[in-house]
Amino acid sequence: MHNGAITGFHDMRRDLMLTVDPALFPSLEGTTDSEVMFHVALTFGLDGDPPGAVARMAGLVERLGHEHGVPQPLQMTVAVTDGERVWFFRYSSGGNSRSLYYSSRVDDVRALHPDLAFLRHISEETRLVVSEPLGDLPGVWNAVPESSYGVVQPGRDLMRHFEPEPV
């Protein structure tokens, strides 16, 4: 998932695409900045180190943006998963990212809202990552702070500072 944009994408698209691992290049089918960002992050090791790969991808976008005269090239909220964990990122070059939220643990939500029948039928490990809170349920939605990333996973969730890594 990517919500945001690379400002000046069409000017730096070629440079970004040349970064994509040649083995991944045939799977590029579209023309969006989201698809290119994903393939650059895969090239930078997304399958083994999501925070590092996204940080390197963001660092490359920022460097190329600055080389093309774009002072604030990146606006992103991003989420990726390996099927067990979800990593989510909130960052923008200008420090004013779009909103991003994740839901509290199901057992905490059940304690706060015992009247919600659908909560009885979902896994203890269920979480949602959304751009805006779904409904007005106190204690359910946690805002992701600016320039940070988190991981929802079995057991304890994590929240860490995020910044682009120079490439």
C-alpha atoms as a PDB file:
ATOM      1  CA  MET A   1       0.000   0.000   0.000  1.00  0.00           C
ATOM      2  CA  HIS A   2       1.224   3.471  -0.843  1.00  0.00           C
ATOM      3  CA  ASN A   3      -0.662   6.677  -0.236  1.00  0.00           C
ATOM      4  CA  GLY A   4       1.298   9.705  -1.353  1.00  0.00           C
ATOM      5  CA  ALA A   5       3.394  10.786  -4.270  1.00  0.00           C
ATOM      6  CA  ILE A   6       6.857  11.427  -5.592  1.00  0.00           C
ATOM      7  CA  THR A   7       6.880  15.058  -6.661  1.00  0.00           C
ATOM      8  CA  GLY A   8       8.763  15.290  -9.948  1.00  0.00           C
ATOM      9  CA  PHE A   9       8.355  11.553 -10.544  1.00  0.00           C
ATOM     10  CA  HIS A  10       8.320  11.868 -14.316  1.00  0.00           C
ATOM     11  CA  ASP A  11      11.670  13.693 -14.236  1.00  0.00           C
ATOM     12  CA  MET A  12      13.367  11.055 -12.072  1.00  0.00           C
ATOM     13  CA  ARG A  13      11.445   7.979 -13.263  1.00  0.00           C
ATOM     14  CA  ARG A  14      14.244   6.774 -15.544  1.00  0.00           C
ATOM     15  CA  ASP A  15      16.860   7.050 -12.778  1.00  0.00           C
ATOM     16  CA  LEU A  16      14.612   5.162 -10.369  1.00  0.00           C
ATOM     17  CA  MET A  17      13.836   2.437 -12.883  1.00  0.00           C
ATOM     18  CA  LEU A  18      17.529   1.931 -13.656  1.00  0.00           C
ATOM     19  CA  THR A  19      17.972   1.134  -9.962  1.00  0.00           C
ATOM     20  CA  VAL A  20      15.538  -1.796 -10.133  1.00  0.00           C
ATOM     21  CA  ASP A  21      17.249  -5.178 -10.098  1.00  0.00           C
ATOM     22  CA  PRO A  22      17.223  -6.546 -13.678  1.00  0.00           C
ATOM     23  CA  ALA A  23      15.653  -9.794 -12.414  1.00  0.00           C
ATOM     24  CA  LEU A  24      12.678  -7.787 -11.080  1.00  0.00           C
ATOM     25  CA  PHE A  25      12.316  -5.512 -14.071  1.00  0.00           C
ATOM     26  CA  PRO A  26      10.015  -7.825 -16.098  1.00  0.00           C
ATOM     27  CA  SER A  27       7.416  -7.651 -13.305  1.00  0.00           C
ATOM     28  CA  LEU A  28       7.074  -3.857 -13.699  1.00  0.00           C
ATOM     29  CA  GLU A  29       3.795  -3.533 -15.575  1.00  0.00           C
ATOM     30  CA  GLY A  30       2.410  -0.079 -14.810  1.00  0.00           C
ATOM     31  CA  THR A  31       3.597   3.501 -14.782  1.00  0.00           C
ATOM     32  CA  THR A  32       2.894   4.623 -11.211  1.00  0.00           C
ATOM     33  CA  ASP A  33       5.331   5.938  -8.674  1.00  0.00           C
ATOM     34  CA  SER A  34       3.945   3.370  -6.191  1.00  0.00           C
ATOM     35  CA  GLU A  35       4.974   0.430  -8.370  1.00  0.00           C
ATOM     36  CA  VAL A  36       8.441   1.846  -8.976  1.00  0.00           C
ATOM     37  CA  MET A  37       8.921   2.583  -5.252  1.00  0.00           C
ATOM     38  CA  PHE A  38       7.933  -1.012  -4.434  1.00  0.00           C
ATOM     39  CA  HIS A  39      10.397  -2.476  -6.956  1.00  0.00           C
ATOM     40  CA  VAL A  40      13.203  -0.192  -5.758  1.00  0.00           C
ATOM     41  CA  ALA A  41      12.487  -1.292  -2.172  1.00  0.00           C
ATOM     42  CA  LEU A  42      12.537  -4.950  -3.312  1.00  0.00           C
ATOM     43  CA  THR A  43      15.893  -4.271  -4.958  1.00  0.00           C
ATOM     44  CA  PHE A  44      17.157  -2.807  -1.683  1.00  0.00           C
ATOM     45  CA  GLY A  45      16.182  -5.923   0.329  1.00  0.00           C
ATOM     46  CA  LEU A  46      12.508  -5.467   1.247  1.00  0.00           C
ATOM     47  CA  ASP A  47      12.015  -9.220   1.709  1.00  0.00           C
ATOM     48  CA  GLY A  48      14.684  -9.413   4.440  1.00  0.00           C
ATOM     49  CA  ASP A  49      14.833  -5.928   5.967  1.00  0.00           C
ATOM     50  CA  PRO A  50      11.688  -3.873   5.345  1.00  0.00           C
ATOM     51  CA  PRO A  51      12.731  -0.837   7.468  1.00  0.00           C
ATOM     52  CA  GLY A  52      16.184  -0.688   5.865  1.00  0.00           C
ATOM     53  CA  ALA A  53      14.892  -1.216   2.331  1.00  0.00           C
ATOM     54  CA  VAL A  54      12.191   1.462   2.656  1.00  0.00           C
ATOM     55  CA  ALA A  55      14.738   3.844   4.233  1.00  0.00           C
ATOM     56  CA  ARG A  56      17.139   3.281   1.312  1.00  0.00           C
ATOM     57  CA  MET A  57      14.318   3.698  -1.222  1.00  0.00           C
ATOM     58  CA  ALA A  58      13.255   6.963   0.452  1.00  0.00           C
ATOM     59  CA  GLY A  59      16.877   8.134   0.541  1.00  0.00           C
ATOM     60  CA  LEU A  60      17.247   7.479  -3.176  1.00  0.00           C
ATOM     61  CA  VAL A  61      14.012   9.324  -3.988  1.00  0.00           C
ATOM     62  CA  GLU A  62      15.144  12.301  -1.917  1.00  0.00           C
ATOM     63  CA  ARG A  63      18.614  12.382  -3.495  1.00  0.00           C
ATOM     64  CA  LEU A  64      17.251  12.126  -7.030  1.00  0.00           C
ATOM     65  CA  GLY A  65      14.568  14.689  -6.267  1.00  0.00           C
ATOM     66  CA  HIS A  66      17.153  17.173  -5.050  1.00  0.00           C
ATOM     67  CA  GLU A  67      19.321  16.480  -8.126  1.00  0.00           C
ATOM     68  CA  HIS A  68      16.261  17.357 -10.242  1.00  0.00           C
ATOM     69  CA  GLY A  69      15.557  20.546  -8.288  1.00  0.00           C
ATOM     70  CA  VAL A  70      12.642  19.230  -6.221  1.00  0.00           C
ATOM     71  CA  PRO A  71      13.096  20.410  -2.614  1.00  0.00           C
ATOM     72  CA  GLN A  72      10.484  18.089  -1.061  1.00  0.00           C
ATOM     73  CA  PRO A  73      10.174  15.075  -3.374  1.00  0.00           C
ATOM     74  CA  LEU A  74       8.584  12.429  -1.143  1.00  0.00           C
ATOM     75  CA  GLN A  75       5.186  12.104   0.528  1.00  0.00           C
ATOM     76  CA  MET A  76       4.360   8.593   1.681  1.00  0.00           C
ATOM     77  CA  THR A  77       2.452   6.339   3.917  1.00  0.00           C
ATOM     78  CA  VAL A  78       3.447   2.785   3.044  1.00  0.00           C
ATOM     79  CA  ALA A  79       2.488  -0.659   4.310  1.00  0.00           C
ATOM     80  CA  VAL A  80       4.042  -4.015   3.408  1.00  0.00           C
ATOM     81  CA  THR A  81       3.536  -7.502   4.778  1.00  0.00           C
ATOM     82  CA  ASP A  82       5.178 -10.895   4.778  1.00  0.00           C
ATOM     83  CA  GLY A  83       1.865 -12.570   5.654  1.00  0.00           C
ATOM     84  CA  GLU A  84       2.613 -12.612   9.377  1.00  0.00           C
ATOM     85  CA  ARG A  85       3.732  -9.051  10.128  1.00  0.00           C
ATOM     86  CA  VAL A  86       2.746  -5.681   8.699  1.00  0.00           C
ATOM     87  CA  TRP A  87       5.306  -2.885   8.548  1.00  0.00           C
ATOM     88  CA  PHE A  88       3.911   0.599   8.075  1.00  0.00           C
ATOM     89  CA  PHE A  89       5.732   3.868   7.439  1.00  0.00           C
ATOM     90  CA  ARG A  90       4.757   7.526   7.639  1.00  0.00           C
ATOM     91  CA  TYR A  91       7.197  10.032   6.181  1.00  0.00           C
ATOM     92  CA  SER A  92       7.430  13.076   3.952  1.00  0.00           C
ATOM     93  CA  SER A  93      10.315  15.292   2.923  1.00  0.00           C
ATOM     94  CA  GLY A  94       8.372  18.314   4.161  1.00  0.00           C
ATOM     95  CA  GLY A  95       7.479  16.785   7.533  1.00  0.00           C
ATOM     96  CA  ASN A  96       3.731  16.967   6.929  1.00  0.00           C
ATOM     97  CA  SER A  97       2.767  13.436   5.915  1.00  0.00           C
ATOM     98  CA  ARG A  98      -0.693  12.160   5.202  1.00  0.00           C
ATOM     99  CA  SER A  99      -2.343  10.521   8.191  1.00  0.00           C
ATOM    100  CA  LEU A 100      -1.902   6.868   9.094  1.00  0.00           C
ATOM    101  CA  TYR A 101      -3.468   4.821  11.919  1.00  0.00           C
ATOM    102  CA  TYR A 102      -3.259   1.293  13.247  1.00  0.00           C
ATOM    103  CA  SER A 103      -5.779  -0.492  15.423  1.00  0.00           C
ATOM    104  CA  SER A 104      -5.167  -1.548  18.999  1.00  0.00           C
ATOM    105  CA  ARG A 105      -4.857  -5.188  19.964  1.00  0.00           C
ATOM    106  CA  VAL A 106      -8.163  -7.060  19.720  1.00  0.00           C
ATOM    107  CA  ASP A 107      -8.222  -8.044  23.396  1.00  0.00           C
ATOM    108  CA  ASP A 108      -7.874  -4.353  24.370  1.00  0.00           C
ATOM    109  CA  VAL A 109     -10.644  -3.355  21.959  1.00  0.00           C
ATOM    110  CA  ARG A 110     -12.903  -6.128  23.295  1.00  0.00           C
ATOM    111  CA  ALA A 111     -12.403  -4.828  26.827  1.00  0.00           C
ATOM    112  CA  LEU A 112     -13.284  -1.294  25.741  1.00  0.00           C
ATOM    113  CA  HIS A 113     -16.227  -2.284  23.521  1.00  0.00           C
ATOM    114  CA  PRO A 114     -17.711  -5.590  24.756  1.00  0.00           C
ATOM    115  CA  ASP A 115     -20.947  -4.863  22.866  1.00  0.00           C
ATOM    116  CA  LEU A 116     -19.296  -5.200  19.427  1.00  0.00           C
ATOM    117  CA  ALA A 117     -20.307  -8.709  18.369  1.00  0.00           C
ATOM    118  CA  PHE A 118     -17.965  -8.934  15.351  1.00  0.00           C
ATOM    119  CA  LEU A 119     -14.964  -8.768  17.719  1.00  0.00           C
ATOM    120  CA  ARG A 120     -15.893 -12.213  19.105  1.00  0.00           C
ATOM    121  CA  HIS A 121     -15.132 -13.824  15.724  1.00  0.00           C
ATOM    122  CA  ILE A 122     -11.748 -12.382  14.788  1.00  0.00           C
ATOM    123  CA  SER A 123      -8.253 -13.493  15.694  1.00  0.00           C
ATOM    124  CA  GLU A 124      -6.404 -12.041  18.672  1.00  0.00           C
ATOM    125  CA  GLU A 125      -3.696 -10.959  16.218  1.00  0.00           C
ATOM    126  CA  THR A 126      -6.012  -9.028  13.877  1.00  0.00           C
ATOM    127  CA  ARG A 127      -4.973  -5.401  13.238  1.00  0.00           C
ATOM    128  CA  LEU A 128      -5.888  -2.801  10.670  1.00  0.00           C
ATOM    129  CA  VAL A 129      -3.675  -0.150   9.148  1.00  0.00           C
ATOM    130  CA  VAL A 130      -5.736   2.663   7.634  1.00  0.00           C
ATOM    131  CA  SER A 131      -5.408   6.212   6.334  1.00  0.00           C
ATOM    132  CA  GLU A 132      -8.281   7.458   8.519  1.00  0.00           C
ATOM    133  CA  PRO A 133      -9.999   5.899  11.555  1.00  0.00           C
ATOM    134  CA  LEU A 134     -12.953   3.707  10.652  1.00  0.00           C
ATOM    135  CA  GLY A 135     -15.729   4.898  12.910  1.00  0.00           C
ATOM    136  CA  ASP A 136     -15.640   6.752  16.191  1.00  0.00           C
ATOM    137  CA  LEU A 137     -14.532   4.091  18.644  1.00  0.00           C
ATOM    138  CA  PRO A 138     -12.457   5.503  21.519  1.00  0.00           C
ATOM    139  CA  GLY A 139      -9.274   3.536  22.225  1.00  0.00           C
ATOM    140  CA  VAL A 140      -9.251   1.682  18.897  1.00  0.00           C
ATOM    141  CA  TRP A 141      -7.192   3.908  16.609  1.00  0.00           C
ATOM    142  CA  ASN A 142      -3.573   4.872  17.206  1.00  0.00           C
ATOM    143  CA  ALA A 143      -2.059   7.647  15.114  1.00  0.00           C
ATOM    144  CA  VAL A 144       1.313   6.820  13.594  1.00  0.00           C
ATOM    145  CA  PRO A 145       3.648   9.714  14.466  1.00  0.00           C
ATOM    146  CA  GLU A 146       5.364  11.735  11.741  1.00  0.00           C
ATOM    147  CA  SER A 147       8.662  10.212  10.534  1.00  0.00           C
ATOM    148  CA  SER A 148       8.116   6.819  12.092  1.00  0.00           C
ATOM    149  CA  TYR A 149       7.446   3.217  11.251  1.00  0.00           C
ATOM    150  CA  GLY A 150       5.760   0.442  13.106  1.00  0.00           C
ATOM    151  CA  VAL A 151       5.301  -3.290  12.999  1.00  0.00           C
ATOM    152  CA  VAL A 152       2.120  -5.112  13.957  1.00  0.00           C
ATOM    153  CA  GLN A 153       2.919  -8.736  14.586  1.00  0.00           C
ATOM    154  CA  PRO A 154       2.145 -11.650  16.850  1.00  0.00           C
ATOM    155  CA  GLY A 155       3.081 -10.602  20.349  1.00  0.00           C
ATOM    156  CA  ARG A 156       4.236  -7.065  20.979  1.00  0.00           C
ATOM    157  CA  ASP A 157       3.895  -4.366  18.321  1.00  0.00           C
ATOM    158  CA  LEU A 158       6.774  -1.945  17.680  1.00  0.00           C
ATOM    159  CA  MET A 159       7.038   1.755  16.838  1.00  0.00           C
ATOM    160  CA  ARG A 160      10.359   3.329  15.770  1.00  0.00           C
ATOM    161  CA  HIS A 161      11.732   6.554  14.317  1.00  0.00           C
ATOM    162  CA  PHE A 162      12.082   6.572  10.514  1.00  0.00           C
ATOM    163  CA  GLU A 163      14.406   8.549   8.342  1.00  0.00           C
ATOM    164  CA  PRO A 164      15.682   8.040   4.801  1.00  0.00           C
ATOM    165  CA  GLU A 165      19.062   6.383   4.424  1.00  0.00           C
ATOM    166  CA  PRO A 166      21.419   7.975   1.900  1.00  0.00           C
ATOM    167  CA  VAL A 167      22.090   5.821  -1.154  1.00  0.00           C
END
